[in-house]
Amino acid sequence: MVNFDVYFELVIEELEELWKGVARLDVLQPPSRQTFMLRTMLMWTIHDFLGYGLVFGCQHQGYKTCPPCGSSIGFRWSKELGKVVFEGSRQWLRRYHPYKTHPNATHFIGAKELWMKPYTTTGANTLRWAQRTKKWVAWGNVLGSRGCPSKETGLKCQFALFKLPY
């Protein structure tokens, strides 16, 4: 796995400096109020799914590839298709949606999907899971081997942007 943290070190340094504030000049204001403190923060990043997996250290193929769902996603190996398939996408619908309760609702996976939406992971859980995986590797274990926490959570490392103060 490629460690993208090295590439983000300079970005993180600049983001930390901009979070503290940088004196700037506003030429449209009167001379007595031209200087102000410019503060910025990174609100979000946009990636395709492969880039998301590589940059954020989460799985992007195989089992447990839904970062918000983590280990609560429904999946199975399909012999017919020869790949992992994810079932239960209708669990995100409201409780009495027609696709859940209609007589033809069994056409998708052969049964009605009456369960509720899965538990969505939080930032605190993501950090805790990343620390577990980091300790696992620090103890001399191989990432992805039997018993590795990343197999349970889908998270391989802690992303560098988590070091930012906000």
N, C-alpha and C. Protein backbone atom coordinates (compact mmCIF):
# COMPACT_ATOMS: atom_id res chain seq x y z
N MET A 1 0.83 -1.18 0.00
CA MET A 1 0.00 0.00 0.00
C MET A 1 0.88 1.25 0.00
N VAL A 2 0.52 2.20 -0.80
CA VAL A 2 1.26 3.45 -0.91
C VAL A 2 0.90 4.34 0.27
N ASN A 3 1.90 4.95 0.88
CA ASN A 3 1.68 5.86 2.00
C ASN A 3 1.62 7.28 1.45
N PHE A 4 0.40 7.82 1.35
CA PHE A 4 0.20 9.17 0.79
C PHE A 4 0.47 10.26 1.82
N ASP A 5 0.71 9.92 3.07
CA ASP A 5 0.96 10.93 4.09
C ASP A 5 2.16 11.80 3.76
N VAL A 6 3.16 11.23 3.10
CA VAL A 6 4.37 11.99 2.73
C VAL A 6 4.00 13.13 1.80
N TYR A 7 3.07 12.88 0.89
CA TYR A 7 2.67 13.90 -0.07
C TYR A 7 1.83 14.99 0.57
N PHE A 8 1.15 14.66 1.67
CA PHE A 8 0.26 15.61 2.32
C PHE A 8 0.94 16.44 3.40
N GLU A 9 2.20 16.17 3.73
CA GLU A 9 2.87 16.90 4.82
C GLU A 9 2.92 18.40 4.55
N LEU A 10 3.30 18.80 3.34
CA LEU A 10 3.38 20.23 3.02
C LEU A 10 2.00 20.87 3.01
N VAL A 11 1.01 20.14 2.52
CA VAL A 11 -0.36 20.66 2.51
C VAL A 11 -0.85 20.87 3.93
N ILE A 12 -0.56 19.92 4.80
CA ILE A 12 -0.99 20.01 6.20
C ILE A 12 -0.30 21.19 6.89
N GLU A 13 1.00 21.39 6.63
CA GLU A 13 1.70 22.54 7.20
C GLU A 13 1.04 23.85 6.79
N GLU A 14 0.72 23.99 5.51
CA GLU A 14 0.08 25.22 5.04
C GLU A 14 -1.32 25.39 5.61
N LEU A 15 -2.08 24.30 5.71
CA LEU A 15 -3.42 24.38 6.27
C LEU A 15 -3.38 24.77 7.75
N GLU A 16 -2.39 24.26 8.49
CA GLU A 16 -2.25 24.64 9.90
C GLU A 16 -1.92 26.12 10.03
N GLU A 17 -1.03 26.61 9.16
CA GLU A 17 -0.66 28.03 9.18
C GLU A 17 -1.88 28.90 8.84
N LEU A 18 -2.66 28.50 7.84
CA LEU A 18 -3.83 29.27 7.45
C LEU A 18 -4.94 29.18 8.49
N TRP A 19 -4.98 28.11 9.26
CA TRP A 19 -5.97 27.99 10.33
C TRP A 19 -5.67 29.00 11.44
N LYS A 20 -4.37 29.20 11.75
CA LYS A 20 -3.97 30.17 12.77
C LYS A 20 -4.22 31.60 12.29
N GLY A 21 -4.08 31.83 11.00
CA GLY A 21 -4.34 33.15 10.43
C GLY A 21 -3.11 33.77 9.83
N VAL A 22 -3.31 34.44 8.72
CA VAL A 22 -2.23 35.12 8.01
C VAL A 22 -2.70 36.55 7.74
N ALA A 23 -1.86 37.52 8.04
CA ALA A 23 -2.22 38.93 7.82
C ALA A 23 -2.25 39.21 6.32
N ARG A 24 -3.35 39.80 5.88
CA ARG A 24 -3.54 40.13 4.47
C ARG A 24 -4.04 41.56 4.33
N LEU A 25 -3.98 42.08 3.12
CA LEU A 25 -4.33 43.46 2.84
C LEU A 25 -5.59 43.50 1.97
N ASP A 26 -6.58 44.30 2.38
CA ASP A 26 -7.80 44.51 1.61
C ASP A 26 -7.78 45.94 1.08
N VAL A 27 -7.50 46.09 -0.20
CA VAL A 27 -7.33 47.42 -0.79
C VAL A 27 -8.65 48.17 -0.94
N LEU A 28 -9.78 47.51 -0.80
CA LEU A 28 -11.07 48.17 -0.93
C LEU A 28 -11.50 48.87 0.35
N GLN A 29 -10.82 48.59 1.45
CA GLN A 29 -11.15 49.21 2.74
C GLN A 29 -10.35 50.50 2.91
N PRO A 30 -10.80 51.40 3.82
CA PRO A 30 -10.01 52.60 4.12
C PRO A 30 -8.65 52.22 4.71
N PRO A 31 -7.64 53.06 4.56
CA PRO A 31 -6.28 52.72 5.01
C PRO A 31 -6.20 52.26 6.46
N SER A 32 -7.07 52.73 7.34
CA SER A 32 -6.98 52.33 8.75
C SER A 32 -7.45 50.89 8.97
N ARG A 33 -8.22 50.33 8.02
CA ARG A 33 -8.75 48.96 8.21
C ARG A 33 -8.36 48.02 7.07
N GLN A 34 -7.27 48.30 6.40
CA GLN A 34 -6.90 47.48 5.24
C GLN A 34 -6.35 46.11 5.62
N THR A 35 -5.74 45.98 6.77
CA THR A 35 -5.15 44.71 7.17
C THR A 35 -6.18 43.85 7.91
N PHE A 36 -6.24 42.59 7.57
CA PHE A 36 -7.14 41.66 8.26
C PHE A 36 -6.46 40.29 8.35
N MET A 37 -6.96 39.44 9.24
CA MET A 37 -6.44 38.08 9.40
C MET A 37 -7.25 37.14 8.52
N LEU A 38 -6.59 36.49 7.60
CA LEU A 38 -7.22 35.52 6.72
C LEU A 38 -7.08 34.14 7.36
N ARG A 39 -8.19 33.47 7.58
CA ARG A 39 -8.18 32.12 8.13
C ARG A 39 -8.94 31.21 7.17
N THR A 40 -8.40 30.03 6.94
CA THR A 40 -9.06 29.08 6.05
C THR A 40 -9.05 27.70 6.68
N MET A 41 -9.90 26.85 6.14
CA MET A 41 -9.91 25.45 6.56
C MET A 41 -10.32 24.59 5.38
N LEU A 42 -9.91 23.35 5.41
CA LEU A 42 -10.28 22.39 4.38
C LEU A 42 -11.61 21.77 4.79
N MET A 43 -12.63 21.95 3.96
CA MET A 43 -13.95 21.44 4.32
C MET A 43 -14.18 20.03 3.79
N TRP A 44 -13.75 19.74 2.57
CA TRP A 44 -13.92 18.40 2.01
C TRP A 44 -12.96 18.21 0.87
N THR A 45 -12.79 16.97 0.49
CA THR A 45 -12.01 16.61 -0.68
C THR A 45 -12.88 15.74 -1.57
N ILE A 46 -12.58 15.74 -2.84
CA ILE A 46 -13.37 14.96 -3.79
C ILE A 46 -12.44 13.98 -4.49
N HIS A 47 -12.84 12.71 -4.51
CA HIS A 47 -12.05 11.65 -5.14
C HIS A 47 -12.98 10.69 -5.86
N ASP A 48 -12.44 9.94 -6.78
CA ASP A 48 -13.16 8.77 -7.24
C ASP A 48 -12.97 7.69 -6.17
N PHE A 49 -13.65 6.57 -6.29
CA PHE A 49 -13.61 5.59 -5.20
C PHE A 49 -12.23 4.96 -5.03
N LEU A 50 -11.53 4.72 -6.12
CA LEU A 50 -10.18 4.17 -6.02
C LEU A 50 -9.24 5.15 -5.32
N GLY A 51 -9.31 6.43 -5.70
CA GLY A 51 -8.49 7.45 -5.04
C GLY A 51 -8.86 7.61 -3.58
N TYR A 52 -10.15 7.53 -3.27
CA TYR A 52 -10.62 7.61 -1.89
C TYR A 52 -9.99 6.51 -1.04
N GLY A 53 -9.99 5.31 -1.59
CA GLY A 53 -9.40 4.18 -0.86
C GLY A 53 -7.90 4.34 -0.65
N LEU A 54 -7.20 4.80 -1.68
CA LEU A 54 -5.75 4.94 -1.58
C LEU A 54 -5.36 6.09 -0.65
N VAL A 55 -6.03 7.22 -0.79
CA VAL A 55 -5.66 8.40 0.00
C VAL A 55 -6.07 8.24 1.45
N PHE A 56 -7.26 7.74 1.71
CA PHE A 56 -7.77 7.67 3.07
C PHE A 56 -7.44 6.36 3.78
N GLY A 57 -6.81 5.43 3.09
CA GLY A 57 -6.38 4.19 3.74
C GLY A 57 -7.50 3.21 4.03
N CYS A 58 -8.59 3.28 3.29
CA CYS A 58 -9.67 2.32 3.50
C CYS A 58 -9.75 1.38 2.30
N GLN A 59 -10.39 0.26 2.51
CA GLN A 59 -10.51 -0.72 1.43
C GLN A 59 -11.38 -0.17 0.32
N HIS A 60 -11.01 -0.49 -0.92
CA HIS A 60 -11.81 -0.04 -2.04
C HIS A 60 -12.15 -1.18 -2.99
N GLN A 61 -11.83 -2.40 -2.60
CA GLN A 61 -12.24 -3.57 -3.34
C GLN A 61 -12.39 -4.73 -2.38
N GLY A 62 -13.22 -5.69 -2.72
CA GLY A 62 -13.43 -6.84 -1.85
C GLY A 62 -14.50 -6.56 -0.81
N TYR A 63 -14.33 -7.17 0.35
CA TYR A 63 -15.31 -7.05 1.43
C TYR A 63 -15.15 -5.72 2.18
N LYS A 64 -16.22 -5.27 2.81
CA LYS A 64 -16.23 -4.07 3.66
C LYS A 64 -15.69 -2.84 2.94
N THR A 65 -16.16 -2.60 1.73
CA THR A 65 -15.65 -1.48 0.96
C THR A 65 -16.50 -0.22 1.08
N CYS A 66 -17.50 -0.23 1.92
CA CYS A 66 -18.31 0.97 2.11
C CYS A 66 -17.79 1.68 3.37
N PRO A 67 -17.00 2.74 3.23
CA PRO A 67 -16.43 3.40 4.40
C PRO A 67 -17.46 3.87 5.43
N PRO A 68 -18.60 4.46 5.04
CA PRO A 68 -19.56 4.87 6.07
C PRO A 68 -20.19 3.68 6.80
N CYS A 69 -20.40 2.56 6.09
CA CYS A 69 -21.06 1.41 6.71
C CYS A 69 -20.10 0.57 7.55
N GLY A 70 -18.83 0.54 7.16
CA GLY A 70 -17.86 -0.26 7.88
C GLY A 70 -18.20 -1.73 7.86
N SER A 71 -18.30 -2.35 9.00
CA SER A 71 -18.53 -3.79 9.08
C SER A 71 -20.00 -4.15 9.05
N SER A 72 -20.91 -3.17 8.95
CA SER A 72 -22.33 -3.50 9.00
C SER A 72 -22.96 -3.61 7.61
N ILE A 73 -22.16 -3.66 6.56
CA ILE A 73 -22.69 -3.81 5.21
C ILE A 73 -22.95 -5.28 4.91
N GLY A 74 -24.02 -5.56 4.19
CA GLY A 74 -24.33 -6.94 3.82
C GLY A 74 -23.61 -7.32 2.53
N PHE A 75 -22.84 -8.39 2.54
CA PHE A 75 -22.10 -8.81 1.36
C PHE A 75 -22.03 -10.33 1.34
N ARG A 76 -21.77 -10.86 0.15
CA ARG A 76 -21.55 -12.30 -0.01
C ARG A 76 -20.77 -12.52 -1.30
N TRP A 77 -20.16 -13.69 -1.42
CA TRP A 77 -19.46 -14.06 -2.64
C TRP A 77 -20.47 -14.69 -3.59
N SER A 78 -20.56 -14.18 -4.81
CA SER A 78 -21.48 -14.71 -5.81
C SER A 78 -20.72 -15.68 -6.71
N LYS A 79 -21.10 -16.95 -6.67
CA LYS A 79 -20.46 -17.93 -7.55
C LYS A 79 -20.81 -17.64 -9.01
N GLU A 80 -22.06 -17.20 -9.23
CA GLU A 80 -22.51 -16.94 -10.60
C GLU A 80 -21.74 -15.79 -11.24
N LEU A 81 -21.49 -14.73 -10.48
CA LEU A 81 -20.79 -13.56 -11.00
C LEU A 81 -19.28 -13.62 -10.80
N GLY A 82 -18.84 -14.45 -9.86
CA GLY A 82 -17.41 -14.56 -9.58
C GLY A 82 -16.83 -13.36 -8.88
N LYS A 83 -17.64 -12.69 -8.05
CA LYS A 83 -17.16 -11.51 -7.33
C LYS A 83 -18.01 -11.28 -6.09
N VAL A 84 -17.58 -10.32 -5.28
CA VAL A 84 -18.32 -9.94 -4.09
C VAL A 84 -19.50 -9.09 -4.51
N VAL A 85 -20.68 -9.40 -4.00
CA VAL A 85 -21.86 -8.58 -4.26
C VAL A 85 -22.37 -8.04 -2.94
N PHE A 86 -22.92 -6.85 -2.99
CA PHE A 86 -23.42 -6.18 -1.79
C PHE A 86 -24.93 -6.19 -1.83
N GLU A 87 -25.51 -6.77 -0.81
CA GLU A 87 -26.95 -6.89 -0.73
C GLU A 87 -27.48 -5.94 0.34
N GLY A 88 -28.75 -5.72 0.27
CA GLY A 88 -29.37 -4.92 1.31
C GLY A 88 -29.33 -3.44 1.05
N SER A 89 -29.20 -3.02 -0.20
CA SER A 89 -29.15 -1.58 -0.47
C SER A 89 -30.49 -0.92 -0.19
N ARG A 90 -31.58 -1.73 -0.15
CA ARG A 90 -32.88 -1.15 0.15
C ARG A 90 -33.06 -0.84 1.63
N GLN A 91 -32.12 -1.23 2.45
CA GLN A 91 -32.21 -0.92 3.88
C GLN A 91 -32.11 0.58 4.12
N TRP A 92 -31.60 1.34 3.15
CA TRP A 92 -31.49 2.78 3.29
C TRP A 92 -32.83 3.48 3.04
N LEU A 93 -33.79 2.76 2.50
CA LEU A 93 -35.11 3.35 2.26
C LEU A 93 -35.89 3.44 3.57
N ARG A 94 -36.91 4.30 3.60
CA ARG A 94 -37.73 4.42 4.81
C ARG A 94 -38.44 3.10 5.09
N ARG A 95 -38.93 2.94 6.30
CA ARG A 95 -39.43 1.66 6.80
C ARG A 95 -40.53 1.02 5.94
N TYR A 96 -41.51 1.80 5.51
CA TYR A 96 -42.64 1.23 4.76
C TYR A 96 -42.60 1.63 3.28
N HIS A 97 -41.43 1.76 2.73
CA HIS A 97 -41.29 2.08 1.31
C HIS A 97 -41.82 0.92 0.48
N PRO A 98 -42.46 1.19 -0.67
CA PRO A 98 -43.02 0.11 -1.49
C PRO A 98 -42.00 -0.96 -1.91
N TYR A 99 -40.75 -0.57 -2.12
CA TYR A 99 -39.75 -1.57 -2.50
C TYR A 99 -39.42 -2.52 -1.36
N LYS A 100 -39.76 -2.14 -0.13
CA LYS A 100 -39.53 -3.04 1.01
C LYS A 100 -40.75 -3.90 1.31
N THR A 101 -41.94 -3.39 1.05
CA THR A 101 -43.15 -4.07 1.49
C THR A 101 -43.98 -4.66 0.36
N HIS A 102 -43.71 -4.30 -0.86
CA HIS A 102 -44.48 -4.78 -2.01
C HIS A 102 -44.31 -6.30 -2.14
N PRO A 103 -45.34 -7.02 -2.62
CA PRO A 103 -45.20 -8.48 -2.80
C PRO A 103 -44.03 -8.88 -3.69
N ASN A 104 -43.63 -8.01 -4.63
CA ASN A 104 -42.50 -8.33 -5.50
C ASN A 104 -41.16 -7.92 -4.88
N ALA A 105 -41.17 -7.53 -3.63
CA ALA A 105 -39.93 -7.09 -2.97
C ALA A 105 -38.92 -8.22 -2.82
N THR A 106 -39.34 -9.44 -3.02
CA THR A 106 -38.42 -10.58 -2.90
C THR A 106 -37.62 -10.81 -4.18
N HIS A 107 -37.87 -10.04 -5.22
CA HIS A 107 -37.17 -10.26 -6.49
C HIS A 107 -35.69 -9.89 -6.43
N PHE A 108 -35.30 -9.04 -5.52
CA PHE A 108 -33.92 -8.58 -5.50
C PHE A 108 -32.96 -9.63 -4.95
N ILE A 109 -33.16 -10.08 -3.72
CA ILE A 109 -32.25 -11.07 -3.13
C ILE A 109 -32.98 -12.34 -2.71
N GLY A 110 -34.24 -12.45 -3.08
CA GLY A 110 -35.01 -13.66 -2.75
C GLY A 110 -35.75 -13.55 -1.43
N ALA A 111 -35.67 -12.42 -0.77
CA ALA A 111 -36.35 -12.22 0.51
C ALA A 111 -36.64 -10.73 0.66
N LYS A 112 -37.60 -10.42 1.52
CA LYS A 112 -37.88 -9.02 1.80
C LYS A 112 -36.77 -8.46 2.70
N GLU A 113 -36.37 -7.25 2.42
CA GLU A 113 -35.33 -6.58 3.21
C GLU A 113 -36.02 -5.63 4.19
N LEU A 114 -36.39 -6.13 5.34
CA LEU A 114 -37.13 -5.33 6.30
C LEU A 114 -36.24 -4.71 7.37
N TRP A 115 -34.94 -5.02 7.34
CA TRP A 115 -34.07 -4.46 8.37
C TRP A 115 -33.84 -2.98 8.12
N MET A 116 -33.44 -2.29 9.18
CA MET A 116 -33.23 -0.84 9.12
C MET A 116 -31.83 -0.54 8.60
N LYS A 117 -31.58 0.73 8.32
CA LYS A 117 -30.27 1.11 7.79
C LYS A 117 -29.18 0.80 8.80
N PRO A 118 -27.97 0.51 8.31
CA PRO A 118 -26.89 0.11 9.22
C PRO A 118 -26.37 1.29 10.04
N TYR A 119 -25.65 0.95 11.06
CA TYR A 119 -24.97 1.94 11.89
C TYR A 119 -23.90 2.61 11.04
N THR A 120 -23.91 3.92 10.98
CA THR A 120 -22.93 4.68 10.20
C THR A 120 -21.77 5.04 11.11
N THR A 121 -20.57 4.83 10.61
CA THR A 121 -19.39 5.11 11.42
C THR A 121 -19.20 6.61 11.62
N THR A 122 -18.54 6.96 12.70
CA THR A 122 -18.25 8.36 13.01
C THR A 122 -16.74 8.60 12.88
N GLY A 123 -16.34 9.86 12.95
CA GLY A 123 -14.92 10.19 12.92
C GLY A 123 -14.17 9.59 14.08
N ALA A 124 -14.81 9.55 15.27
CA ALA A 124 -14.16 8.97 16.45
C ALA A 124 -13.92 7.47 16.25
N ASN A 125 -14.90 6.77 15.67
CA ASN A 125 -14.71 5.34 15.38
C ASN A 125 -13.60 5.13 14.37
N THR A 126 -13.55 5.98 13.36
CA THR A 126 -12.51 5.86 12.34
C THR A 126 -11.13 6.01 12.97
N LEU A 127 -10.96 6.99 13.85
CA LEU A 127 -9.67 7.18 14.53
C LEU A 127 -9.33 5.98 15.41
N ARG A 128 -10.32 5.47 16.15
CA ARG A 128 -10.08 4.33 17.02
C ARG A 128 -9.68 3.10 16.21
N TRP A 129 -10.36 2.86 15.10
CA TRP A 129 -10.04 1.71 14.25
C TRP A 129 -8.65 1.85 13.63
N ALA A 130 -8.30 3.07 13.22
CA ALA A 130 -6.98 3.30 12.64
C ALA A 130 -5.89 3.03 13.67
N GLN A 131 -6.11 3.44 14.92
CA GLN A 131 -5.12 3.20 15.98
C GLN A 131 -4.96 1.70 16.24
N ARG A 132 -6.07 0.96 16.21
CA ARG A 132 -5.99 -0.50 16.40
C ARG A 132 -5.13 -1.14 15.31
N THR A 133 -5.35 -0.73 14.07
CA THR A 133 -4.57 -1.29 12.96
C THR A 133 -3.11 -0.88 13.08
N LYS A 134 -2.85 0.38 13.48
CA LYS A 134 -1.47 0.86 13.64
C LYS A 134 -0.73 0.05 14.71
N LYS A 135 -1.41 -0.23 15.83
CA LYS A 135 -0.80 -1.05 16.89
C LYS A 135 -0.54 -2.46 16.39
N TRP A 136 -1.47 -3.00 15.62
CA TRP A 136 -1.33 -4.36 15.06
C TRP A 136 -0.05 -4.46 14.23
N VAL A 137 0.19 -3.48 13.37
CA VAL A 137 1.39 -3.48 12.53
C VAL A 137 2.63 -3.21 13.38
N ALA A 138 2.53 -2.34 14.39
CA ALA A 138 3.67 -2.04 15.27
C ALA A 138 4.12 -3.27 16.06
N TRP A 139 3.21 -4.18 16.33
CA TRP A 139 3.56 -5.41 17.05
C TRP A 139 4.27 -6.42 16.16
N GLY A 140 4.51 -6.05 14.90
CA GLY A 140 5.24 -6.93 14.00
C GLY A 140 4.34 -7.77 13.11
N ASN A 141 3.07 -7.53 13.13
CA ASN A 141 2.15 -8.29 12.28
C ASN A 141 2.09 -7.67 10.88
N VAL A 142 1.67 -8.48 9.94
CA VAL A 142 1.57 -8.03 8.55
C VAL A 142 0.17 -7.49 8.29
N LEU A 143 0.09 -6.30 7.67
CA LEU A 143 -1.20 -5.70 7.34
C LEU A 143 -1.96 -6.62 6.40
N GLY A 144 -3.19 -6.96 6.76
CA GLY A 144 -4.03 -7.82 5.94
C GLY A 144 -3.94 -9.29 6.27
N SER A 145 -3.06 -9.66 7.21
CA SER A 145 -2.95 -11.08 7.56
C SER A 145 -4.10 -11.49 8.49
N ARG A 146 -4.16 -12.74 8.81
CA ARG A 146 -5.24 -13.27 9.66
C ARG A 146 -5.25 -12.56 11.01
N GLY A 147 -6.44 -12.11 11.42
CA GLY A 147 -6.60 -11.42 12.69
C GLY A 147 -6.38 -9.92 12.62
N CYS A 148 -6.03 -9.41 11.45
CA CYS A 148 -5.78 -7.97 11.31
C CYS A 148 -7.07 -7.19 11.50
N PRO A 149 -7.06 -6.13 12.31
CA PRO A 149 -8.26 -5.31 12.51
C PRO A 149 -8.81 -4.70 11.23
N SER A 150 -7.97 -4.49 10.22
CA SER A 150 -8.45 -3.89 8.98
C SER A 150 -9.43 -4.82 8.25
N LYS A 151 -9.33 -6.11 8.50
CA LYS A 151 -10.29 -7.04 7.88
C LYS A 151 -11.67 -6.88 8.48
N GLU A 152 -11.73 -6.48 9.73
CA GLU A 152 -13.03 -6.28 10.39
C GLU A 152 -13.62 -4.91 10.07
N THR A 153 -12.80 -3.89 10.03
CA THR A 153 -13.30 -2.52 9.89
C THR A 153 -13.20 -1.96 8.47
N GLY A 154 -12.28 -2.48 7.67
CA GLY A 154 -12.08 -1.95 6.33
C GLY A 154 -11.14 -0.76 6.29
N LEU A 155 -10.55 -0.39 7.43
CA LEU A 155 -9.67 0.77 7.51
C LEU A 155 -8.24 0.31 7.72
N LYS A 156 -7.33 0.73 6.84
CA LYS A 156 -5.95 0.26 6.88
C LYS A 156 -5.00 1.18 7.62
N CYS A 157 -5.28 2.50 7.64
CA CYS A 157 -4.39 3.44 8.31
C CYS A 157 -5.15 4.72 8.62
N GLN A 158 -4.53 5.58 9.40
CA GLN A 158 -5.12 6.87 9.74
C GLN A 158 -4.64 7.89 8.72
N PHE A 159 -5.58 8.58 8.12
CA PHE A 159 -5.27 9.56 7.10
C PHE A 159 -4.59 10.78 7.71
N ALA A 160 -3.65 11.36 7.00
CA ALA A 160 -2.84 12.47 7.50
C ALA A 160 -3.66 13.71 7.84
N LEU A 161 -4.77 13.95 7.15
CA LEU A 161 -5.56 15.15 7.43
C LEU A 161 -6.24 15.11 8.79
N PHE A 162 -6.27 13.95 9.43
CA PHE A 162 -6.82 13.87 10.78
C PHE A 162 -5.94 14.60 11.79
N LYS A 163 -4.72 14.97 11.38
CA LYS A 163 -3.83 15.71 12.28
C LYS A 163 -4.20 17.18 12.40
N LEU A 164 -5.06 17.65 11.49
CA LEU A 164 -5.45 19.06 11.53
C LEU A 164 -6.25 19.35 12.79
N PRO A 165 -6.14 20.57 13.34
CA PRO A 165 -6.78 20.86 14.63
C PRO A 165 -8.29 20.99 14.59
N TYR A 166 -8.89 21.07 13.44
CA TYR A 166 -10.35 21.26 13.39
C TYR A 166 -11.07 20.00 13.01
